[in-house]
Amino acid sequence: MANIRYKFNPESLSFDKIRLGFRAVLLRSLAYFVGSLIVAFIYYLIFAIFIDSPKEKALKREIEQLTIQYDLIHREMAGLEKVIGQLQETDDNLYRTIFEAEPIPATLREGGVGGVNRYKELEGYDNSSIVIETAKNLDRLRKKVYLQSKSFDDLILLAKAKEEMLRSIPAILPISNKDLTRTASGFGLRIHPIYKITKFHAGMDFTAPSGTEIYVTGDGVVAAVQSSQRGLGNHIIINHSYGYTSIYAHLDRFNVRVGQKVQRGDVIGFVGNTGSSVAPHLHYEIKLNGVNVDPVNYYFNDLSPEEYERMIEIASKTGQSFD
């Protein structure tokens, strides 16, 4: 039944039906409409705040998964940084020490990544902090990996140079002397065989029959092949680079020429008795940066520790040299 309103008329003493005008009807309709909008908005707020839509639920689950993934990535990067730290420590304290190279400065290894603000485009989001922190850690890790890779490249070059240097250092006996009985006179003050006075002997003497093969003790280039009837007699000088030269004196004949490249163990000449020599033997010297050094310290490729100790004992005995 329609909601009909009546108004009392005192003149006719009766109730008259109230008839609304257009304006009143319009205002009333507008009021109902506005009221409906308000109620609808309130319902919308309640649902928006307290009840998620299927799409929002899916997005929240995705965000949770991404957050978990970022956390796992952080842990993995922390593990990788630890591994890289161990590589850096080994690099600086072992490899570079072996190759006599300066370690990479810590300021360079731990330095920041350049740029005014490399992460500006990642700002302004709800999870910007975790994304930016991950990006920073990744950049630091990338730089450390690059520096370590570059360091290993340098070490490879150093190793190749070191290998060449190790081949060049005089490191074997210049004649076959397995039983060490051919060791005649060592480095130091010795009695000169001709003048019978104490004189500094700048090398080692090895007795051997004339014609015995003489081996070059390290890789190098023949710097001199000289024939003489005085002093060192017929002798060869080998330039090994890295400051090393070796001298082989009192030879009977030569097996090399000036400028020839030789490798450790090559036969370069034969034992003789030329120059200031009193018996067939080889006088052998090593110079480092132009200064004579004791050859006994350079036979590490040929001798066991026991043989090395015996060689030192024999060479250290004071006696007469053969030249």
Protein backbone atom coordinates (compact mmCIF):
# COMPACT_ATOMS: atom_id res chain seq x y z
CA MET A 1 0.00 0.00 0.00
CA ALA A 2 1.40 3.36 -1.01
CA ASN A 3 2.55 5.67 1.76
CA ILE A 4 -0.07 8.47 1.35
CA ARG A 5 0.09 11.53 3.57
CA TYR A 6 -2.87 13.69 4.66
CA LYS A 7 -3.19 17.16 6.14
CA PHE A 8 -6.06 18.37 8.42
CA ASN A 9 -8.14 21.22 6.97
CA PRO A 10 -9.68 23.31 9.80
CA GLU A 11 -12.13 25.04 7.49
CA SER A 12 -13.72 21.89 6.17
CA LEU A 13 -12.95 19.90 9.27
CA SER A 14 -11.56 17.10 7.09
CA PHE A 15 -8.25 15.54 6.03
CA ASP A 16 -6.99 16.50 2.62
CA LYS A 17 -4.51 14.39 0.66
CA ILE A 18 -1.13 16.09 0.36
CA ARG A 19 0.06 16.39 -3.20
CA LEU A 20 3.83 17.03 -3.72
CA GLY A 21 5.00 19.42 -6.34
CA PHE A 22 7.67 18.73 -8.93
CA ARG A 23 10.38 20.49 -6.96
CA ALA A 24 9.63 18.56 -3.82
CA VAL A 25 9.61 15.31 -5.72
CA LEU A 26 12.92 16.24 -7.34
CA LEU A 27 14.56 17.18 -4.03
CA ARG A 28 13.29 14.05 -2.36
CA SER A 29 14.59 11.89 -5.23
CA LEU A 30 17.93 13.67 -5.09
CA ALA A 31 18.14 13.08 -1.35
CA TYR A 32 17.44 9.38 -1.83
CA PHE A 33 20.11 9.21 -4.56
CA VAL A 34 22.77 10.98 -2.49
CA GLY A 35 21.95 8.81 0.49
CA SER A 36 22.33 5.70 -1.65
CA LEU A 37 25.71 6.92 -2.90
CA ILE A 38 26.95 7.52 0.64
CA VAL A 39 25.82 4.07 1.77
CA ALA A 40 27.43 2.50 -1.31
CA PHE A 41 30.70 4.38 -0.65
CA ILE A 42 30.72 3.18 2.96
CA TYR A 43 30.25 -0.40 1.79
CA TYR A 44 33.05 0.07 -0.76
CA LEU A 45 35.45 1.33 1.91
CA ILE A 46 34.62 -1.57 4.18
CA PHE A 47 35.23 -4.10 1.41
CA ALA A 48 38.35 -2.30 0.12
CA ILE A 49 39.98 -2.10 3.55
CA PHE A 50 39.01 -5.38 5.14
CA ILE A 51 38.25 -7.69 2.24
CA ASP A 52 40.73 -8.36 -0.63
CA SER A 53 39.65 -8.99 -4.14
CA PRO A 54 40.92 -12.14 -5.90
CA LYS A 55 43.37 -10.01 -7.89
CA GLU A 56 44.67 -8.31 -4.74
CA LYS A 57 45.05 -11.68 -3.04
CA ALA A 58 47.06 -12.94 -6.00
CA LEU A 59 49.28 -9.83 -6.00
CA LYS A 60 49.90 -10.16 -2.25
CA ARG A 61 50.90 -13.79 -2.66
CA GLU A 62 53.25 -12.77 -5.48
CA ILE A 63 54.81 -10.04 -3.32
CA GLU A 64 55.33 -12.53 -0.50
CA GLN A 65 57.04 -14.96 -2.88
CA LEU A 66 59.26 -12.18 -4.28
CA THR A 67 60.21 -11.11 -0.75
CA ILE A 68 61.19 -14.71 0.05
CA GLN A 69 63.20 -14.89 -3.17
CA TYR A 70 65.00 -11.62 -2.37
CA ASP A 71 65.89 -13.03 1.05
CA LEU A 72 67.29 -16.19 -0.54
CA ILE A 73 69.26 -14.10 -3.04
CA HIS A 74 70.73 -12.08 -0.15
CA ARG A 75 71.84 -15.28 1.55
CA GLU A 76 73.39 -16.67 -1.65
CA MET A 77 75.20 -13.39 -2.31
CA ALA A 78 76.51 -13.41 1.27
CA GLY A 79 77.87 -16.92 0.65
CA LEU A 80 79.46 -15.84 -2.63
CA GLU A 81 81.05 -12.81 -0.96
CA LYS A 82 82.56 -15.14 1.63
CA VAL A 83 84.01 -17.36 -1.13
CA ILE A 84 85.36 -14.31 -2.99
CA GLY A 85 86.87 -13.06 0.27
CA GLN A 86 88.74 -16.35 0.66
CA LEU A 87 89.95 -16.12 -2.94
CA GLN A 88 91.14 -12.57 -2.33
CA GLU A 89 93.01 -13.61 0.80
CA THR A 90 94.68 -16.51 -1.01
CA ASP A 91 95.46 -14.23 -3.94
CA ASP A 92 97.12 -11.54 -1.82
CA ASN A 93 98.87 -13.72 0.78
CA LEU A 94 99.90 -16.74 -1.32
CA TYR A 95 99.87 -16.33 -5.08
CA ARG A 96 101.13 -12.76 -5.18
CA THR A 97 103.73 -13.56 -2.51
CA ILE A 98 105.02 -16.47 -4.60
CA PHE A 99 105.29 -14.29 -7.69
CA GLU A 100 106.68 -11.32 -5.72
CA ALA A 101 103.80 -9.06 -6.76
CA GLU A 102 102.12 -6.35 -4.72
CA PRO A 103 98.65 -7.28 -3.37
CA ILE A 104 95.63 -5.40 -4.70
CA PRO A 105 94.87 -2.51 -2.28
CA ALA A 106 91.89 -3.09 0.00
CA THR A 107 90.58 0.37 -0.92
CA LEU A 108 90.28 -0.77 -4.52
CA ARG A 109 88.68 -4.11 -3.64
CA GLU A 110 86.14 -2.56 -1.24
CA GLY A 111 85.57 0.70 -3.11
CA GLY A 112 82.02 1.74 -3.95
CA VAL A 113 80.38 1.66 -7.34
CA GLY A 114 80.49 4.98 -9.17
CA GLY A 115 77.48 7.05 -10.20
CA VAL A 116 75.49 9.96 -8.72
CA ASN A 117 72.41 7.87 -7.98
CA ARG A 118 72.37 4.57 -9.81
CA TYR A 119 69.20 3.43 -8.06
CA LYS A 120 66.91 6.44 -8.50
CA GLU A 121 64.59 4.55 -10.82
CA LEU A 122 64.00 1.95 -8.10
CA GLU A 123 62.78 4.50 -5.55
CA GLY A 124 59.15 5.33 -4.72
CA TYR A 125 57.77 1.79 -4.30
CA ASP A 126 56.56 -0.03 -1.21
CA ASN A 127 59.48 -2.47 -1.40
CA SER A 128 62.07 -0.06 -2.78
CA SER A 129 64.45 -0.57 0.16
CA ILE A 130 64.85 -4.32 -0.35
CA VAL A 131 65.17 -3.97 -4.13
CA ILE A 132 67.77 -1.17 -3.85
CA GLU A 133 69.78 -3.07 -1.23
CA THR A 134 69.80 -6.16 -3.42
CA ALA A 135 70.94 -4.10 -6.43
CA LYS A 136 73.75 -2.54 -4.36
CA ASN A 137 74.95 -5.94 -3.11
CA LEU A 138 74.86 -7.31 -6.64
CA ASP A 139 76.92 -4.38 -7.95
CA ARG A 140 79.51 -4.83 -5.18
CA LEU A 141 79.68 -8.55 -5.89
CA ARG A 142 80.03 -7.93 -9.62
CA LYS A 143 82.93 -5.53 -9.03
CA LYS A 144 84.73 -7.96 -6.72
CA VAL A 145 84.36 -10.78 -9.24
CA TYR A 146 85.71 -8.52 -12.01
CA LEU A 147 88.73 -7.45 -9.92
CA GLN A 148 89.48 -11.04 -8.91
CA SER A 149 89.19 -12.21 -12.51
CA LYS A 150 91.55 -9.42 -13.59
CA SER A 151 93.94 -10.40 -10.79
CA PHE A 152 93.98 -14.04 -11.95
CA ASP A 153 94.73 -12.87 -15.51
CA ASP A 154 97.70 -10.94 -14.13
CA LEU A 155 98.82 -13.98 -12.13
CA ILE A 156 98.75 -16.14 -15.27
CA LEU A 157 101.12 -13.67 -16.95
CA LEU A 158 103.31 -13.63 -13.83
CA ALA A 159 103.33 -17.43 -13.75
CA LYS A 160 104.45 -17.59 -17.37
CA ALA A 161 107.20 -15.07 -16.67
CA LYS A 162 108.14 -16.96 -13.50
CA GLU A 163 108.28 -20.23 -15.43
CA GLU A 164 110.63 -18.63 -17.94
CA MET A 165 112.73 -17.22 -15.11
CA LEU A 166 112.92 -20.61 -13.36
CA ARG A 167 114.12 -22.21 -16.59
CA SER A 168 116.74 -19.50 -16.94
CA ILE A 169 118.27 -19.64 -13.45
CA PRO A 170 121.43 -21.83 -13.39
CA ALA A 171 120.18 -24.82 -11.41
CA ILE A 172 122.06 -28.00 -12.39
CA LEU A 173 125.62 -29.32 -12.24
CA PRO A 174 127.65 -28.29 -15.31
CA ILE A 175 129.15 -31.79 -15.73
CA SER A 176 127.99 -35.28 -14.86
CA ASN A 177 128.90 -35.59 -11.19
CA LYS A 178 126.42 -38.03 -9.68
CA ASP A 179 128.79 -39.35 -7.03
CA LEU A 180 130.12 -35.83 -6.31
CA THR A 181 133.73 -37.10 -6.41
CA ARG A 182 134.60 -34.61 -9.16
CA THR A 183 134.05 -31.65 -6.83
CA ALA A 184 137.58 -30.28 -6.39
CA SER A 185 137.49 -26.74 -5.09
CA GLY A 186 134.74 -24.46 -3.87
CA PHE A 187 133.89 -20.76 -3.68
CA GLY A 188 136.01 -18.55 -1.39
CA LEU A 189 139.63 -18.13 -0.31
CA ARG A 190 141.84 -20.85 -1.77
CA ILE A 191 145.57 -21.39 -2.39
CA HIS A 192 146.44 -20.43 -5.97
CA PRO A 193 148.04 -23.45 -7.76
CA ILE A 194 150.71 -21.37 -9.48
CA TYR A 195 151.44 -18.45 -7.13
CA LYS A 196 150.93 -20.51 -3.93
CA ILE A 197 149.24 -17.60 -2.19
CA THR A 198 145.77 -17.36 -0.70
CA LYS A 199 143.49 -15.86 -3.30
CA PHE A 200 139.75 -15.49 -3.70
CA HIS A 201 138.33 -18.26 -5.89
CA ALA A 202 135.22 -16.89 -7.63
CA GLY A 203 133.71 -20.21 -8.69
CA MET A 204 133.85 -24.00 -8.34
CA ASP A 205 136.27 -26.46 -9.91
CA PHE A 206 135.18 -29.89 -11.16
CA THR A 207 137.83 -32.43 -12.15
CA ALA A 208 137.12 -34.50 -15.26
CA PRO A 209 139.04 -36.03 -18.17
CA SER A 210 139.61 -33.83 -21.19
CA GLY A 211 136.70 -34.11 -23.60
CA THR A 212 134.07 -34.58 -20.88
CA GLU A 213 130.78 -32.95 -21.90
CA ILE A 214 129.85 -29.63 -20.26
CA TYR A 215 126.17 -28.76 -19.84
CA VAL A 216 124.67 -25.28 -19.76
CA THR A 217 122.97 -24.92 -16.39
CA GLY A 218 120.02 -22.74 -17.44
CA ASP A 219 118.26 -21.38 -20.52
CA GLY A 220 119.97 -18.40 -22.09
CA VAL A 221 121.94 -16.93 -24.97
CA VAL A 222 125.66 -17.41 -25.64
CA ALA A 223 127.20 -14.01 -24.90
CA ALA A 224 130.85 -14.88 -25.53
CA VAL A 225 132.99 -17.73 -26.89
CA GLN A 226 136.63 -16.80 -26.27
CA SER A 227 139.88 -18.63 -26.94
CA SER A 228 142.86 -17.73 -24.75
CA GLN A 229 146.04 -19.26 -23.35
CA ARG A 230 145.88 -17.13 -20.19
CA GLY A 231 143.54 -16.74 -17.24
CA LEU A 232 140.26 -18.53 -17.94
CA GLY A 233 141.67 -20.05 -21.11
CA ASN A 234 139.03 -21.13 -23.60
CA HIS A 235 135.75 -20.12 -21.99
CA ILE A 236 132.07 -19.51 -22.65
CA ILE A 237 129.81 -16.88 -21.08
CA ILE A 238 126.05 -17.47 -21.06
CA ASN A 239 123.55 -14.65 -20.46
CA HIS A 240 120.53 -16.14 -18.68
CA SER A 241 118.66 -12.82 -18.26
CA TYR A 242 117.08 -11.83 -14.92
CA GLY A 243 120.55 -10.68 -13.85
CA TYR A 244 122.21 -14.11 -14.15
CA THR A 245 125.30 -15.06 -16.19
CA SER A 246 127.38 -18.22 -16.01
CA ILE A 247 131.01 -18.84 -17.05
CA TYR A 248 132.57 -22.15 -18.15
CA ALA A 249 136.39 -21.96 -18.30
CA HIS A 250 139.52 -23.93 -19.35
CA LEU A 251 137.63 -25.73 -22.12
CA ASP A 252 139.26 -27.96 -24.68
CA ARG A 253 136.81 -26.99 -27.45
CA PHE A 254 133.43 -25.36 -27.99
CA ASN A 255 130.06 -26.64 -29.15
CA VAL A 256 128.22 -23.31 -29.49
CA ARG A 257 128.58 -19.94 -31.18
CA VAL A 258 127.92 -16.36 -30.03
CA GLY A 259 124.23 -15.43 -30.15
CA GLN A 260 123.03 -19.02 -30.06
CA LYS A 261 120.06 -19.79 -27.80
CA VAL A 262 120.63 -22.70 -25.45
CA GLN A 263 118.44 -24.67 -23.11
CA ARG A 264 119.35 -26.15 -19.76
CA GLY A 265 121.21 -29.43 -20.30
CA ASP A 266 122.55 -28.64 -23.79
CA VAL A 267 126.20 -29.60 -24.37
CA ILE A 268 128.05 -26.33 -24.93
CA GLY A 269 131.67 -27.51 -24.77
CA PHE A 270 134.18 -30.03 -23.48
CA VAL A 271 136.52 -30.10 -20.49
CA GLY A 272 140.11 -29.09 -21.18
CA ASN A 273 143.27 -27.72 -19.58
CA THR A 274 143.74 -24.30 -21.18
CA GLY A 275 144.77 -20.97 -19.63
CA SER A 276 145.97 -20.83 -16.02
CA SER A 277 145.08 -24.44 -15.30
CA VAL A 278 147.23 -27.15 -13.73
CA ALA A 279 145.05 -30.15 -14.67
CA PRO A 280 142.02 -30.96 -16.81
CA HIS A 281 139.00 -29.51 -15.06
CA LEU A 282 136.05 -27.16 -15.44
CA HIS A 283 136.06 -23.82 -13.66
CA TYR A 284 132.42 -22.75 -13.24
CA GLU A 285 131.11 -19.34 -12.10
CA ILE A 286 127.69 -17.75 -11.57
CA LYS A 287 127.18 -14.00 -11.44
CA LEU A 288 124.08 -12.22 -10.26
CA ASN A 289 123.84 -8.60 -11.38
CA GLY A 290 127.55 -8.68 -12.12
CA VAL A 291 128.60 -10.02 -8.69
CA ASN A 292 129.97 -13.53 -8.23
CA VAL A 293 127.81 -15.80 -6.06
CA ASP A 294 128.54 -19.24 -4.68
CA PRO A 295 127.47 -21.83 -7.31
CA VAL A 296 126.89 -24.44 -4.61
CA ASN A 297 123.60 -22.72 -3.79
CA TYR A 298 122.27 -23.29 -7.31
CA TYR A 299 122.21 -27.07 -7.76
CA PHE A 300 118.68 -27.60 -6.42
CA ASN A 301 117.44 -29.26 -9.64
CA ASP A 302 120.08 -32.00 -9.50
CA LEU A 303 120.77 -32.86 -5.87
CA SER A 304 118.75 -34.43 -3.08
CA PRO A 305 118.96 -32.72 0.34
CA GLU A 306 121.56 -35.28 1.45
CA GLU A 307 123.67 -34.80 -1.71
CA TYR A 308 123.35 -31.05 -1.37
CA GLU A 309 124.69 -31.16 2.20
CA ARG A 310 127.59 -33.31 1.06
CA MET A 311 128.34 -30.97 -1.85
CA ILE A 312 128.49 -28.02 0.55
CA GLU A 313 130.79 -29.94 2.86
CA ILE A 314 133.18 -30.84 0.02
CA ALA A 315 133.16 -27.38 -1.53
CA SER A 316 133.76 -25.64 1.80
CA LYS A 317 137.05 -27.42 2.48
CA THR A 318 139.96 -25.01 2.26
CA GLY A 319 142.62 -26.23 -0.17
CA GLN A 320 144.27 -25.51 -3.46
CA SER A 321 142.22 -24.57 -6.48
CA PHE A 322 143.02 -25.82 -9.99
CA ASP A 323 143.28 -22.33 -11.56
